[in-house]
Amino acid sequence: MTKTILNIKTDPKTKVEIQEFAAELGVPVSVIMNAQIKQMLRDRKIVLSTELEPTPYLIKIMDQVEKDLKTGKNITKTFSKTEALRHLDSL
């Protein structure tokens, strides 16, 4: 099979990171890139993902919710369907 060269531009930090990652896997960077390219062509889509990390604001809210759940504060009463209807009538 004939090979050709595909050049891409990336920042130096990314280059080092992919080289280190490839070394951890024990394969050249070209193996990783070829696998990704073939996957994209086979599926006709690009899948980009990252681990989701909550923002500091969301962490603060989640901590407050856990605290409220433990203390029973700011918790809305649950209703059966009929109780909810009666509750609405009184509004």
PDB file of N, CA and C in Angstrom:
ATOM      1  N   MET A   1       0.847  -1.173   0.000  1.00  0.00           N
ATOM      2  CA  MET A   1       0.000   0.000   0.000  1.00  0.00           C
ATOM      3  C   MET A   1       0.895   1.240   0.000  1.00  0.00           C
ATOM      4  N   THR A   2       0.576   2.165  -0.876  1.00  0.00           N
ATOM      5  CA  THR A   2       1.316   3.420  -0.970  1.00  0.00           C
ATOM      6  C   THR A   2       0.917   4.324   0.182  1.00  0.00           C
ATOM      7  N   LYS A   3       1.875   5.004   0.738  1.00  0.00           N
ATOM      8  CA  LYS A   3       1.615   5.944   1.837  1.00  0.00           C
ATOM      9  C   LYS A   3       1.851   7.358   1.351  1.00  0.00           C
ATOM     10  N   THR A   4       1.168   8.314   1.948  1.00  0.00           N
ATOM     11  CA  THR A   4       1.365   9.720   1.666  1.00  0.00           C
ATOM     12  C   THR A   4       1.440  10.468   2.984  1.00  0.00           C
ATOM     13  N   ILE A   5       1.913  11.666   2.933  1.00  0.00           N
ATOM     14  CA  ILE A   5       2.081  12.462   4.148  1.00  0.00           C
ATOM     15  C   ILE A   5       0.942  13.467   4.250  1.00  0.00           C
ATOM     16  N   LEU A   6       0.362  13.576   5.430  1.00  0.00           N
ATOM     17  CA  LEU A   6      -0.677  14.547   5.730  1.00  0.00           C
ATOM     18  C   LEU A   6      -0.136  15.426   6.844  1.00  0.00           C
ATOM     19  N   ASN A   7       0.047  16.695   6.584  1.00  0.00           N
ATOM     20  CA  ASN A   7       0.554  17.630   7.593  1.00  0.00           C
ATOM     21  C   ASN A   7      -0.604  18.353   8.249  1.00  0.00           C
ATOM     22  N   ILE A   8      -0.553  18.481   9.553  1.00  0.00           N
ATOM     23  CA  ILE A   8      -1.542  19.268  10.284  1.00  0.00           C
ATOM     24  C   ILE A   8      -0.810  20.275  11.153  1.00  0.00           C
ATOM     25  N   LYS A   9      -1.484  21.353  11.463  1.00  0.00           N
ATOM     26  CA  LYS A   9      -0.912  22.364  12.352  1.00  0.00           C
ATOM     27  C   LYS A   9      -1.586  22.246  13.709  1.00  0.00           C
ATOM     28  N   THR A  10      -0.782  22.274  14.732  1.00  0.00           N
ATOM     29  CA  THR A  10      -1.286  22.252  16.098  1.00  0.00           C
ATOM     30  C   THR A  10      -0.297  23.011  16.968  1.00  0.00           C
ATOM     31  N   ASP A  11      -0.703  23.334  18.160  1.00  0.00           N
ATOM     32  CA  ASP A  11       0.214  24.051  19.049  1.00  0.00           C
ATOM     33  C   ASP A  11       1.213  23.066  19.648  1.00  0.00           C
ATOM     34  N   PRO A  12       2.369  23.555  20.067  1.00  0.00           N
ATOM     35  CA  PRO A  12       3.420  22.671  20.592  1.00  0.00           C
ATOM     36  C   PRO A  12       2.971  21.813  21.775  1.00  0.00           C
ATOM     37  N   LYS A  13       2.143  22.361  22.659  1.00  0.00           N
ATOM     38  CA  LYS A  13       1.686  21.606  23.826  1.00  0.00           C
ATOM     39  C   LYS A  13       0.859  20.400  23.394  1.00  0.00           C
ATOM     40  N   THR A  14      -0.050  20.604  22.432  1.00  0.00           N
ATOM     41  CA  THR A  14      -0.878  19.506  21.936  1.00  0.00           C
ATOM     42  C   THR A  14      -0.021  18.431  21.287  1.00  0.00           C
ATOM     43  N   LYS A  15       0.989  18.850  20.555  1.00  0.00           N
ATOM     44  CA  LYS A  15       1.887  17.896  19.901  1.00  0.00           C
ATOM     45  C   LYS A  15       2.574  17.012  20.939  1.00  0.00           C
ATOM     46  N   VAL A  16       3.077  17.629  21.978  1.00  0.00           N
ATOM     47  CA  VAL A  16       3.745  16.863  23.036  1.00  0.00           C
ATOM     48  C   VAL A  16       2.765  15.927  23.723  1.00  0.00           C
ATOM     49  N   GLU A  17       1.552  16.414  23.998  1.00  0.00           N
ATOM     50  CA  GLU A  17       0.553  15.586  24.676  1.00  0.00           C
ATOM     51  C   GLU A  17       0.166  14.364  23.848  1.00  0.00           C
ATOM     52  N   ILE A  18      -0.029  14.547  22.524  1.00  0.00           N
ATOM     53  CA  ILE A  18      -0.407  13.396  21.702  1.00  0.00           C
ATOM     54  C   ILE A  18       0.765  12.430  21.568  1.00  0.00           C
ATOM     55  N   GLN A  19       1.968  12.953  21.524  1.00  0.00           N
ATOM     56  CA  GLN A  19       3.138  12.071  21.472  1.00  0.00           C
ATOM     57  C   GLN A  19       3.261  11.251  22.756  1.00  0.00           C
ATOM     58  N   GLU A  20       3.028  11.897  23.889  1.00  0.00           N
ATOM     59  CA  GLU A  20       3.091  11.180  25.174  1.00  0.00           C
ATOM     60  C   GLU A  20       1.976  10.138  25.269  1.00  0.00           C
ATOM     61  N   PHE A  21       0.786  10.497  24.813  1.00  0.00           N
ATOM     62  CA  PHE A  21      -0.348   9.574  24.828  1.00  0.00           C
ATOM     63  C   PHE A  21      -0.066   8.369  23.940  1.00  0.00           C
ATOM     64  N   ALA A  22       0.441   8.629  22.754  1.00  0.00           N
ATOM     65  CA  ALA A  22       0.783   7.538  21.834  1.00  0.00           C
ATOM     66  C   ALA A  22       1.841   6.631  22.448  1.00  0.00           C
ATOM     67  N   ALA A  23       2.825   7.223  23.109  1.00  0.00           N
ATOM     68  CA  ALA A  23       3.875   6.435  23.755  1.00  0.00           C
ATOM     69  C   ALA A  23       3.293   5.557  24.859  1.00  0.00           C
ATOM     70  N   GLU A  24       2.327   6.087  25.618  1.00  0.00           N
ATOM     71  CA  GLU A  24       1.661   5.292  26.657  1.00  0.00           C
ATOM     72  C   GLU A  24       0.965   4.081  26.046  1.00  0.00           C
ATOM     73  N   LEU A  25       0.373   4.283  24.862  1.00  0.00           N
ATOM     74  CA  LEU A  25      -0.313   3.190  24.180  1.00  0.00           C
ATOM     75  C   LEU A  25       0.655   2.265  23.457  1.00  0.00           C
ATOM     76  N   GLY A  26       1.881   2.746  23.251  1.00  0.00           N
ATOM     77  CA  GLY A  26       2.886   1.938  22.564  1.00  0.00           C
ATOM     78  C   GLY A  26       2.722   1.934  21.049  1.00  0.00           C
ATOM     79  N   VAL A  27       2.161   3.013  20.515  1.00  0.00           N
ATOM     80  CA  VAL A  27       1.979   3.118  19.063  1.00  0.00           C
ATOM     81  C   VAL A  27       2.443   4.490  18.603  1.00  0.00           C
ATOM     82  N   PRO A  28       2.769   4.616  17.311  1.00  0.00           N
ATOM     83  CA  PRO A  28       3.112   5.934  16.790  1.00  0.00           C
ATOM     84  C   PRO A  28       1.873   6.830  16.702  1.00  0.00           C
ATOM     85  N   VAL A  29       2.078   8.122  16.684  1.00  0.00           N
ATOM     86  CA  VAL A  29       0.977   9.076  16.552  1.00  0.00           C
ATOM     87  C   VAL A  29       0.202   8.804  15.265  1.00  0.00           C
ATOM     88  N   SER A  30       0.888   8.410  14.214  1.00  0.00           N
ATOM     89  CA  SER A  30       0.216   8.166  12.932  1.00  0.00           C
ATOM     90  C   SER A  30      -0.833   7.060  13.041  1.00  0.00           C
ATOM     91  N   VAL A  31      -0.609   6.073  13.882  1.00  0.00           N
ATOM     92  CA  VAL A  31      -1.593   5.003  14.072  1.00  0.00           C
ATOM     93  C   VAL A  31      -2.867   5.575  14.685  1.00  0.00           C
ATOM     94  N   ILE A  32      -2.713   6.433  15.689  1.00  0.00           N
ATOM     95  CA  ILE A  32      -3.875   7.054  16.332  1.00  0.00           C
ATOM     96  C   ILE A  32      -4.623   7.928  15.338  1.00  0.00           C
ATOM     97  N   MET A  33      -3.895   8.755  14.601  1.00  0.00           N
ATOM     98  CA  MET A  33      -4.534   9.674  13.666  1.00  0.00           C
ATOM     99  C   MET A  33      -5.212   8.913  12.533  1.00  0.00           C
ATOM    100  N   ASN A  34      -4.567   7.874  12.000  1.00  0.00           N
ATOM    101  CA  ASN A  34      -5.189   7.083  10.939  1.00  0.00           C
ATOM    102  C   ASN A  34      -6.448   6.388  11.430  1.00  0.00           C
ATOM    103  N   ALA A  35      -6.429   5.885  12.655  1.00  0.00           N
ATOM    104  CA  ALA A  35      -7.612   5.230  13.219  1.00  0.00           C
ATOM    105  C   ALA A  35      -8.763   6.226  13.334  1.00  0.00           C
ATOM    106  N   GLN A  36      -8.461   7.444  13.799  1.00  0.00           N
ATOM    107  CA  GLN A  36      -9.494   8.474  13.927  1.00  0.00           C
ATOM    108  C   GLN A  36     -10.058   8.863  12.565  1.00  0.00           C
ATOM    109  N   ILE A  37      -9.178   9.053  11.598  1.00  0.00           N
ATOM    110  CA  ILE A  37      -9.623   9.441  10.260  1.00  0.00           C
ATOM    111  C   ILE A  37     -10.502   8.351   9.655  1.00  0.00           C
ATOM    112  N   LYS A  38     -10.082   7.105   9.767  1.00  0.00           N
ATOM    113  CA  LYS A  38     -10.874   6.003   9.212  1.00  0.00           C
ATOM    114  C   LYS A  38     -12.226   5.877   9.902  1.00  0.00           C
ATOM    115  N   GLN A  39     -12.258   6.105  11.205  1.00  0.00           N
ATOM    116  CA  GLN A  39     -13.523   6.071  11.952  1.00  0.00           C
ATOM    117  C   GLN A  39     -14.469   7.158  11.450  1.00  0.00           C
ATOM    118  N   MET A  40     -13.936   8.363  11.266  1.00  0.00           N
ATOM    119  CA  MET A  40     -14.759   9.467  10.769  1.00  0.00           C
ATOM    120  C   MET A  40     -15.310   9.159   9.376  1.00  0.00           C
ATOM    121  N   LEU A  41     -14.481   8.627   8.515  1.00  0.00           N
ATOM    122  CA  LEU A  41     -14.913   8.323   7.153  1.00  0.00           C
ATOM    123  C   LEU A  41     -15.926   7.177   7.127  1.00  0.00           C
ATOM    124  N   ARG A  42     -15.715   6.177   7.962  1.00  0.00           N
ATOM    125  CA  ARG A  42     -16.639   5.034   8.019  1.00  0.00           C
ATOM    126  C   ARG A  42     -18.014   5.464   8.537  1.00  0.00           C
ATOM    127  N   ASP A  43     -18.020   6.252   9.615  1.00  0.00           N
ATOM    128  CA  ASP A  43     -19.274   6.667  10.253  1.00  0.00           C
ATOM    129  C   ASP A  43     -19.882   7.915   9.614  1.00  0.00           C
ATOM    130  N   ARG A  44     -19.089   8.618   8.831  1.00  0.00           N
ATOM    131  CA  ARG A  44     -19.512   9.871   8.209  1.00  0.00           C
ATOM    132  C   ARG A  44     -19.926  10.894   9.265  1.00  0.00           C
ATOM    133  N   LYS A  45     -19.232  10.883  10.384  1.00  0.00           N
ATOM    134  CA  LYS A  45     -19.476  11.874  11.427  1.00  0.00           C
ATOM    135  C   LYS A  45     -18.219  12.037  12.259  1.00  0.00           C
ATOM    136  N   ILE A  46     -18.166  13.141  12.978  1.00  0.00           N
ATOM    137  CA  ILE A  46     -17.061  13.420  13.882  1.00  0.00           C
ATOM    138  C   ILE A  46     -17.628  13.418  15.290  1.00  0.00           C
ATOM    139  N   VAL A  47     -17.031  12.648  16.164  1.00  0.00           N
ATOM    140  CA  VAL A  47     -17.473  12.587  17.548  1.00  0.00           C
ATOM    141  C   VAL A  47     -16.411  13.273  18.408  1.00  0.00           C
ATOM    142  N   LEU A  48     -16.803  14.371  18.997  1.00  0.00           N
ATOM    143  CA  LEU A  48     -15.914  15.099  19.897  1.00  0.00           C
ATOM    144  C   LEU A  48     -16.507  15.009  21.291  1.00  0.00           C
ATOM    145  N   SER A  49     -15.724  14.559  22.224  1.00  0.00           N
ATOM    146  CA  SER A  49     -16.251  14.453  23.579  1.00  0.00           C
ATOM    147  C   SER A  49     -15.160  14.780  24.579  1.00  0.00           C
ATOM    148  N   THR A  50     -15.618  15.110  25.745  1.00  0.00           N
ATOM    149  CA  THR A  50     -14.727  15.372  26.856  1.00  0.00           C
ATOM    150  C   THR A  50     -15.475  15.003  28.124  1.00  0.00           C
ATOM    151  N   GLU A  51     -14.744  14.757  29.157  1.00  0.00           N
ATOM    152  CA  GLU A  51     -15.416  14.477  30.420  1.00  0.00           C
ATOM    153  C   GLU A  51     -16.079  15.754  30.899  1.00  0.00           C
ATOM    154  N   LEU A  52     -17.300  15.627  31.317  1.00  0.00           N
ATOM    155  CA  LEU A  52     -18.020  16.792  31.809  1.00  0.00           C
ATOM    156  C   LEU A  52     -17.579  17.096  33.229  1.00  0.00           C
ATOM    157  N   GLU A  53     -17.270  18.350  33.462  1.00  0.00           N
ATOM    158  CA  GLU A  53     -16.882  18.782  34.796  1.00  0.00           C
ATOM    159  C   GLU A  53     -17.787  19.932  35.192  1.00  0.00           C
ATOM    160  N   PRO A  54     -18.371  19.851  36.373  1.00  0.00           N
ATOM    161  CA  PRO A  54     -19.243  20.945  36.801  1.00  0.00           C
ATOM    162  C   PRO A  54     -18.442  22.223  37.060  1.00  0.00           C
ATOM    163  N   THR A  55     -19.067  23.352  36.783  1.00  0.00           N
ATOM    164  CA  THR A  55     -18.435  24.637  37.061  1.00  0.00           C
ATOM    165  C   THR A  55     -18.444  24.879  38.567  1.00  0.00           C
ATOM    166  N   PRO A  56     -17.594  25.778  39.038  1.00  0.00           N
ATOM    167  CA  PRO A  56     -17.622  26.100  40.476  1.00  0.00           C
ATOM    168  C   PRO A  56     -19.007  26.553  40.943  1.00  0.00           C
ATOM    169  N   TYR A  57     -19.720  27.289  40.091  1.00  0.00           N
ATOM    170  CA  TYR A  57     -21.075  27.737  40.438  1.00  0.00           C
ATOM    171  C   TYR A  57     -22.003  26.545  40.627  1.00  0.00           C
ATOM    172  N   LEU A  58     -21.940  25.572  39.715  1.00  0.00           N
ATOM    173  CA  LEU A  58     -22.790  24.392  39.821  1.00  0.00           C
ATOM    174  C   LEU A  58     -22.421  23.567  41.049  1.00  0.00           C
ATOM    175  N   ILE A  59     -21.146  23.446  41.342  1.00  0.00           N
ATOM    176  CA  ILE A  59     -20.709  22.711  42.539  1.00  0.00           C
ATOM    177  C   ILE A  59     -21.296  23.364  43.790  1.00  0.00           C
ATOM    178  N   LYS A  60     -21.290  24.702  43.827  1.00  0.00           N
ATOM    179  CA  LYS A  60     -21.856  25.426  44.970  1.00  0.00           C
ATOM    180  C   LYS A  60     -23.346  25.111  45.119  1.00  0.00           C
ATOM    181  N   ILE A  61     -24.066  25.117  44.001  1.00  0.00           N
ATOM    182  CA  ILE A  61     -25.504  24.825  44.037  1.00  0.00           C
ATOM    183  C   ILE A  61     -25.740  23.386  44.483  1.00  0.00           C
ATOM    184  N   MET A  62     -24.973  22.439  43.960  1.00  0.00           N
ATOM    185  CA  MET A  62     -25.150  21.029  44.334  1.00  0.00           C
ATOM    186  C   MET A  62     -24.856  20.815  45.810  1.00  0.00           C
ATOM    187  N   ASP A  63     -23.829  21.501  46.319  1.00  0.00           N
ATOM    188  CA  ASP A  63     -23.526  21.402  47.754  1.00  0.00           C
ATOM    189  C   ASP A  63     -24.689  21.926  48.589  1.00  0.00           C
ATOM    190  N   GLN A  64     -25.289  23.040  48.146  1.00  0.00           N
ATOM    191  CA  GLN A  64     -26.426  23.613  48.876  1.00  0.00           C
ATOM    192  C   GLN A  64     -27.619  22.667  48.838  1.00  0.00           C
ATOM    193  N   VAL A  65     -27.862  22.037  47.697  1.00  0.00           N
ATOM    194  CA  VAL A  65     -28.973  21.089  47.578  1.00  0.00           C
ATOM    195  C   VAL A  65     -28.766  19.908  48.524  1.00  0.00           C
ATOM    196  N   GLU A  66     -27.546  19.372  48.562  1.00  0.00           N
ATOM    197  CA  GLU A  66     -27.273  18.256  49.484  1.00  0.00           C
ATOM    198  C   GLU A  66     -27.504  18.670  50.928  1.00  0.00           C
ATOM    199  N   LYS A  67     -27.059  19.882  51.273  1.00  0.00           N
ATOM    200  CA  LYS A  67     -27.259  20.391  52.634  1.00  0.00           C
ATOM    201  C   LYS A  67     -28.757  20.526  52.932  1.00  0.00           C
ATOM    202  N   ASP A  68     -29.500  21.089  51.969  1.00  0.00           N
ATOM    203  CA  ASP A  68     -30.946  21.255  52.157  1.00  0.00           C
ATOM    204  C   ASP A  68     -31.647  19.907  52.296  1.00  0.00           C
ATOM    205  N   LEU A  69     -31.235  18.927  51.505  1.00  0.00           N
ATOM    206  CA  LEU A  69     -31.851  17.599  51.603  1.00  0.00           C
ATOM    207  C   LEU A  69     -31.626  16.981  52.983  1.00  0.00           C
ATOM    208  N   LYS A  70     -30.420  17.148  53.510  1.00  0.00           N
ATOM    209  CA  LYS A  70     -30.106  16.582  54.822  1.00  0.00           C
ATOM    210  C   LYS A  70     -30.892  17.261  55.936  1.00  0.00           C
ATOM    211  N   THR A  71     -31.097  18.575  55.804  1.00  0.00           N
ATOM    212  CA  THR A  71     -31.783  19.314  56.864  1.00  0.00           C
ATOM    213  C   THR A  71     -33.283  19.451  56.615  1.00  0.00           C
ATOM    214  N   GLY A  72     -33.748  19.046  55.426  1.00  0.00           N
ATOM    215  CA  GLY A  72     -35.161  19.154  55.108  1.00  0.00           C
ATOM    216  C   GLY A  72     -35.589  20.569  54.763  1.00  0.00           C
ATOM    217  N   LYS A  73     -34.638  21.443  54.511  1.00  0.00           N
ATOM    218  CA  LYS A  73     -34.920  22.840  54.206  1.00  0.00           C
ATOM    219  C   LYS A  73     -35.134  23.005  52.697  1.00  0.00           C
ATOM    220  N   ASN A  74     -36.029  23.912  52.323  1.00  0.00           N
ATOM    221  CA  ASN A  74     -36.296  24.227  50.908  1.00  0.00           C
ATOM    222  C   ASN A  74     -36.749  23.016  50.104  1.00  0.00           C
ATOM    223  N   ILE A  75     -37.438  22.106  50.752  1.00  0.00           N
ATOM    224  CA  ILE A  75     -37.928  20.905  50.079  1.00  0.00           C
ATOM    225  C   ILE A  75     -39.430  21.061  49.875  1.00  0.00           C
ATOM    226  N   THR A  76     -39.876  20.911  48.651  1.00  0.00           N
ATOM    227  CA  THR A  76     -41.290  21.026  48.331  1.00  0.00           C
ATOM    228  C   THR A  76     -41.995  19.722  48.659  1.00  0.00           C
ATOM    229  N   LYS A  77     -43.171  19.841  49.243  1.00  0.00           N
ATOM    230  CA  LYS A  77     -43.965  18.669  49.572  1.00  0.00           C
ATOM    231  C   LYS A  77     -44.433  17.998  48.288  1.00  0.00           C
ATOM    232  N   THR A  78     -44.420  16.682  48.275  1.00  0.00           N
ATOM    233  CA  THR A  78     -44.959  15.959  47.123  1.00  0.00           C
ATOM    234  C   THR A  78     -46.427  15.672  47.362  1.00  0.00           C
ATOM    235  N   PHE A  79     -47.182  15.639  46.293  1.00  0.00           N
ATOM    236  CA  PHE A  79     -48.619  15.419  46.369  1.00  0.00           C
ATOM    237  C   PHE A  79     -49.003  14.215  45.525  1.00  0.00           C
ATOM    238  N   SER A  80     -50.075  13.538  45.942  1.00  0.00           N
ATOM    239  CA  SER A  80     -50.680  12.566  45.041  1.00  0.00           C
ATOM    240  C   SER A  80     -51.424  13.391  43.990  1.00  0.00           C
ATOM    241  N   LYS A  81     -51.881  12.776  42.943  1.00  0.00           N
ATOM    242  CA  LYS A  81     -52.565  13.524  41.890  1.00  0.00           C
ATOM    243  C   LYS A  81     -53.793  14.254  42.425  1.00  0.00           C
ATOM    244  N   THR A  82     -54.571  13.591  43.255  1.00  0.00           N
ATOM    245  CA  THR A  82     -55.781  14.234  43.765  1.00  0.00           C
ATOM    246  C   THR A  82     -55.435  15.344  44.753  1.00  0.00           C
ATOM    247  N   GLU A  83     -54.431  15.139  45.561  1.00  0.00           N
ATOM    248  CA  GLU A  83     -54.020  16.190  46.492  1.00  0.00           C
ATOM    249  C   GLU A  83     -53.551  17.423  45.741  1.00  0.00           C
ATOM    250  N   ALA A  84     -52.832  17.206  44.650  1.00  0.00           N
ATOM    251  CA  ALA A  84     -52.327  18.324  43.855  1.00  0.00           C
ATOM    252  C   ALA A  84     -53.477  19.116  43.262  1.00  0.00           C
ATOM    253  N   LEU A  85     -54.502  18.426  42.818  1.00  0.00           N
ATOM    254  CA  LEU A  85     -55.652  19.116  42.238  1.00  0.00           C
ATOM    255  C   LEU A  85     -56.375  19.944  43.291  1.00  0.00           C
ATOM    256  N   ARG A  86     -56.532  19.384  44.494  1.00  0.00           N
ATOM    257  CA  ARG A  86     -57.189  20.124  45.556  1.00  0.00           C
ATOM    258  C   ARG A  86     -56.351  21.348  45.932  1.00  0.00           C
ATOM    259  N   HIS A  87     -55.064  21.190  45.930  1.00  0.00           N
ATOM    260  CA  HIS A  87     -54.155  22.283  46.243  1.00  0.00           C
ATOM    261  C   HIS A  87     -54.302  23.414  45.213  1.00  0.00           C
ATOM    262  N   LEU A  88     -54.456  23.062  43.951  1.00  0.00           N
ATOM    263  CA  LEU A  88     -54.620  24.071  42.907  1.00  0.00           C
ATOM    264  C   LEU A  88     -55.938  24.820  43.043  1.00  0.00           C
ATOM    265  N   ASP A  89     -56.967  24.118  43.490  1.00  0.00           N
ATOM    266  CA  ASP A  89     -58.264  24.761  43.652  1.00  0.00           C
ATOM    267  C   ASP A  89     -58.209  25.883  44.693  1.00  0.00           C
ATOM    268  N   SER A  90     -57.332  25.733  45.668  1.00  0.00           N
ATOM    269  CA  SER A  90     -57.277  26.731  46.743  1.00  0.00           C
ATOM    270  C   SER A  90     -56.454  27.958  46.341  1.00  0.00           C
ATOM    271  N   LEU A  91     -55.836  27.926  45.191  1.00  0.00           N
ATOM    272  CA  LEU A  91     -55.021  29.070  44.769  1.00  0.00           C
ATOM    273  C   LEU A  91     -55.833  30.188  44.268  1.00  0.00           C
TER     274      LEU A  91
END
